[in-house]
Amino acid sequence: MTQVQVTQWRRTRPFWAGIFLILAAIALIVPPYATLHIGDWFVSATTVGGFSAVFIGILLLVLAGSLWLRPQYRFPAGVAALMLSLGSLVTTNLGGFVVGTLFGVIGSALALAWTD
């Protein structure tokens, strides 16, 4: 694809909403399974919220894909992403330490506000 075609494709879809939802999914999925090594010590944040983090993160990835592939469904996808992002605040380590929730709310707001 040429640069013009890529630009035209991005303008006909809520592109930045999808990017923010992907960032939210990453921010939710990574912390429960990441370990930090400090010398001989390691810090792990594995919790019961790990399952819900993966579940909500995968759903946000699917919604981001639907925003890009089917932009006519942006309103239901935006509402679902908003509910998942706000629900992650309670279920998944404060929503990926608030970063995931913030990215999810921004992405869903962009999806809801997008017009063709």
C-alpha atoms as a PDB file:
ATOM      1  CA  MET A   1       0.000   0.000   0.000  1.00  0.00           C
ATOM      2  CA  THR A   2       1.182   3.480  -0.729  1.00  0.00           C
ATOM      3  CA  GLN A   3       1.217   6.258   1.842  1.00  0.00           C
ATOM      4  CA  VAL A   4      -1.866   7.836   0.251  1.00  0.00           C
ATOM      5  CA  GLN A   5      -3.812   4.574   0.506  1.00  0.00           C
ATOM      6  CA  VAL A   6      -2.810   4.119   4.148  1.00  0.00           C
ATOM      7  CA  THR A   7      -3.876   7.674   4.957  1.00  0.00           C
ATOM      8  CA  GLN A   8      -7.217   7.196   3.203  1.00  0.00           C
ATOM      9  CA  TRP A   9      -7.789   3.908   5.048  1.00  0.00           C
ATOM     10  CA  ARG A  10      -7.051   5.528   8.415  1.00  0.00           C
ATOM     11  CA  ARG A  11      -9.395   8.443   7.715  1.00  0.00           C
ATOM     12  CA  THR A  12     -12.331   6.141   6.993  1.00  0.00           C
ATOM     13  CA  ARG A  13     -12.023   4.376  10.352  1.00  0.00           C
ATOM     14  CA  PRO A  14     -11.711   5.312  14.034  1.00  0.00           C
ATOM     15  CA  PHE A  15      -7.997   4.511  13.850  1.00  0.00           C
ATOM     16  CA  TRP A  16      -6.804   6.268  17.013  1.00  0.00           C
ATOM     17  CA  ALA A  17      -9.626   4.760  19.040  1.00  0.00           C
ATOM     18  CA  GLY A  18      -8.337   1.317  18.078  1.00  0.00           C
ATOM     19  CA  ILE A  19      -4.769   2.279  18.981  1.00  0.00           C
ATOM     20  CA  PHE A  20      -5.839   3.447  22.447  1.00  0.00           C
ATOM     21  CA  LEU A  21      -7.854   0.269  23.010  1.00  0.00           C
ATOM     22  CA  ILE A  22      -4.830  -1.847  22.051  1.00  0.00           C
ATOM     23  CA  LEU A  23      -2.672   0.134  24.489  1.00  0.00           C
ATOM     24  CA  ALA A  24      -5.324  -0.381  27.178  1.00  0.00           C
ATOM     25  CA  ALA A  25      -5.342  -4.123  26.540  1.00  0.00           C
ATOM     26  CA  ILE A  26      -1.554  -4.285  26.825  1.00  0.00           C
ATOM     27  CA  ALA A  27      -1.618  -2.243  30.033  1.00  0.00           C
ATOM     28  CA  LEU A  28      -4.174  -4.650  31.500  1.00  0.00           C
ATOM     29  CA  ILE A  29      -2.612  -7.951  30.408  1.00  0.00           C
ATOM     30  CA  VAL A  30       1.075  -7.339  31.186  1.00  0.00           C
ATOM     31  CA  PRO A  31       1.215  -6.453  34.949  1.00  0.00           C
ATOM     32  CA  PRO A  32      -0.339  -9.643  36.404  1.00  0.00           C
ATOM     33  CA  TYR A  33       2.180 -11.820  34.564  1.00  0.00           C
ATOM     34  CA  ALA A  34       5.303  -9.634  34.615  1.00  0.00           C
ATOM     35  CA  THR A  35       8.134 -10.208  37.074  1.00  0.00           C
ATOM     36  CA  LEU A  36      10.763  -7.656  37.975  1.00  0.00           C
ATOM     37  CA  HIS A  37      14.250  -8.981  38.782  1.00  0.00           C
ATOM     38  CA  ILE A  38      16.386  -6.914  41.145  1.00  0.00           C
ATOM     39  CA  GLY A  39      19.603  -8.768  41.743  1.00  0.00           C
ATOM     40  CA  ASP A  40      18.659 -12.049  43.449  1.00  0.00           C
ATOM     41  CA  TRP A  41      15.175 -10.793  44.295  1.00  0.00           C
ATOM     42  CA  PHE A  42      12.149 -10.795  42.078  1.00  0.00           C
ATOM     43  CA  VAL A  43       8.855  -8.970  42.434  1.00  0.00           C
ATOM     44  CA  SER A  44       5.716 -10.496  40.976  1.00  0.00           C
ATOM     45  CA  ALA A  45       2.199  -9.035  40.953  1.00  0.00           C
ATOM     46  CA  THR A  46       0.387 -12.285  40.158  1.00  0.00           C
ATOM     47  CA  THR A  47      -3.110 -12.096  41.614  1.00  0.00           C
ATOM     48  CA  VAL A  48      -6.569 -13.527  41.179  1.00  0.00           C
ATOM     49  CA  GLY A  49      -7.226 -10.573  38.866  1.00  0.00           C
ATOM     50  CA  GLY A  50      -4.921 -12.167  36.296  1.00  0.00           C
ATOM     51  CA  PHE A  51      -7.746 -14.112  34.645  1.00  0.00           C
ATOM     52  CA  SER A  52     -10.026 -11.108  34.410  1.00  0.00           C
ATOM     53  CA  ALA A  53      -7.113  -8.999  33.098  1.00  0.00           C
ATOM     54  CA  VAL A  54      -6.546 -11.427  30.238  1.00  0.00           C
ATOM     55  CA  PHE A  55     -10.281 -11.785  29.588  1.00  0.00           C
ATOM     56  CA  ILE A  56     -10.932  -8.018  29.486  1.00  0.00           C
ATOM     57  CA  GLY A  57      -7.709  -7.408  27.545  1.00  0.00           C
ATOM     58  CA  ILE A  58      -8.658  -9.901  24.839  1.00  0.00           C
ATOM     59  CA  LEU A  59     -12.140  -8.395  24.581  1.00  0.00           C
ATOM     60  CA  LEU A  60     -10.612  -4.925  24.175  1.00  0.00           C
ATOM     61  CA  LEU A  61      -8.368  -6.270  21.404  1.00  0.00           C
ATOM     62  CA  VAL A  62     -11.401  -7.744  19.645  1.00  0.00           C
ATOM     63  CA  LEU A  63     -13.261  -4.439  19.964  1.00  0.00           C
ATOM     64  CA  ALA A  64     -10.253  -2.548  18.566  1.00  0.00           C
ATOM     65  CA  GLY A  65     -10.240  -4.912  15.596  1.00  0.00           C
ATOM     66  CA  SER A  66     -13.949  -4.432  15.069  1.00  0.00           C
ATOM     67  CA  LEU A  67     -13.479  -0.648  15.060  1.00  0.00           C
ATOM     68  CA  TRP A  68     -10.961  -1.003  12.249  1.00  0.00           C
ATOM     69  CA  LEU A  69     -12.677  -3.703  10.223  1.00  0.00           C
ATOM     70  CA  ARG A  70     -16.324  -2.695  10.737  1.00  0.00           C
ATOM     71  CA  PRO A  71     -16.445   1.039  11.534  1.00  0.00           C
ATOM     72  CA  GLN A  72     -20.244   1.094  11.170  1.00  0.00           C
ATOM     73  CA  TYR A  73     -20.417  -0.767  14.526  1.00  0.00           C
ATOM     74  CA  ARG A  74     -18.390   1.903  16.315  1.00  0.00           C
ATOM     75  CA  PHE A  75     -21.186   2.880  18.707  1.00  0.00           C
ATOM     76  CA  PRO A  76     -21.822  -0.583  20.242  1.00  0.00           C
ATOM     77  CA  ALA A  77     -18.079  -1.282  20.258  1.00  0.00           C
ATOM     78  CA  GLY A  78     -17.395   2.058  21.955  1.00  0.00           C
ATOM     79  CA  VAL A  79     -20.039   1.451  24.628  1.00  0.00           C
ATOM     80  CA  ALA A  80     -18.741  -2.070  25.280  1.00  0.00           C
ATOM     81  CA  ALA A  81     -15.146  -0.804  25.485  1.00  0.00           C
ATOM     82  CA  LEU A  82     -16.205   1.910  27.925  1.00  0.00           C
ATOM     83  CA  MET A  83     -17.985  -0.593  30.185  1.00  0.00           C
ATOM     84  CA  LEU A  84     -15.043  -3.016  30.064  1.00  0.00           C
ATOM     85  CA  SER A  85     -12.548  -0.248  30.804  1.00  0.00           C
ATOM     86  CA  LEU A  86     -14.497   1.013  33.785  1.00  0.00           C
ATOM     87  CA  GLY A  87     -15.094  -2.543  35.000  1.00  0.00           C
ATOM     88  CA  SER A  88     -11.382  -3.264  34.829  1.00  0.00           C
ATOM     89  CA  LEU A  89     -10.811  -0.582  37.448  1.00  0.00           C
ATOM     90  CA  VAL A  90     -12.441  -2.874  40.015  1.00  0.00           C
ATOM     91  CA  THR A  91     -11.374  -6.295  38.744  1.00  0.00           C
ATOM     92  CA  THR A  92      -7.812  -6.059  37.422  1.00  0.00           C
ATOM     93  CA  ASN A  93      -5.262  -4.393  39.699  1.00  0.00           C
ATOM     94  CA  LEU A  94      -6.914  -0.972  39.551  1.00  0.00           C
ATOM     95  CA  GLY A  95      -7.330  -1.252  35.806  1.00  0.00           C
ATOM     96  CA  GLY A  96      -3.684  -1.905  35.016  1.00  0.00           C
ATOM     97  CA  PHE A  97      -2.631   0.624  37.648  1.00  0.00           C
ATOM     98  CA  VAL A  98      -5.130   3.155  36.223  1.00  0.00           C
ATOM     99  CA  VAL A  99      -3.205   3.383  32.925  1.00  0.00           C
ATOM    100  CA  GLY A 100      -5.292   0.681  31.233  1.00  0.00           C
ATOM    101  CA  THR A 101      -8.538   2.246  32.369  1.00  0.00           C
ATOM    102  CA  LEU A 102      -7.420   5.686  31.207  1.00  0.00           C
ATOM    103  CA  PHE A 103      -6.409   4.429  27.747  1.00  0.00           C
ATOM    104  CA  GLY A 104      -9.632   2.432  27.480  1.00  0.00           C
ATOM    105  CA  VAL A 105     -11.834   5.403  28.364  1.00  0.00           C
ATOM    106  CA  ILE A 106      -9.971   7.639  25.892  1.00  0.00           C
ATOM    107  CA  GLY A 107     -10.236   5.004  23.139  1.00  0.00           C
ATOM    108  CA  SER A 108     -13.933   4.397  23.727  1.00  0.00           C
ATOM    109  CA  ALA A 109     -14.620   8.151  23.810  1.00  0.00           C
ATOM    110  CA  LEU A 110     -12.816   8.538  20.488  1.00  0.00           C
ATOM    111  CA  ALA A 111     -14.857   5.676  19.040  1.00  0.00           C
ATOM    112  CA  LEU A 112     -18.122   7.208  20.223  1.00  0.00           C
ATOM    113  CA  ALA A 113     -17.211  10.678  18.940  1.00  0.00           C
ATOM    114  CA  TRP A 114     -15.905   9.522  15.547  1.00  0.00           C
ATOM    115  CA  THR A 115     -17.897  10.484  12.442  1.00  0.00           C
ATOM    116  CA  ASP A 116     -17.197   9.545   8.859  1.00  0.00           C
END
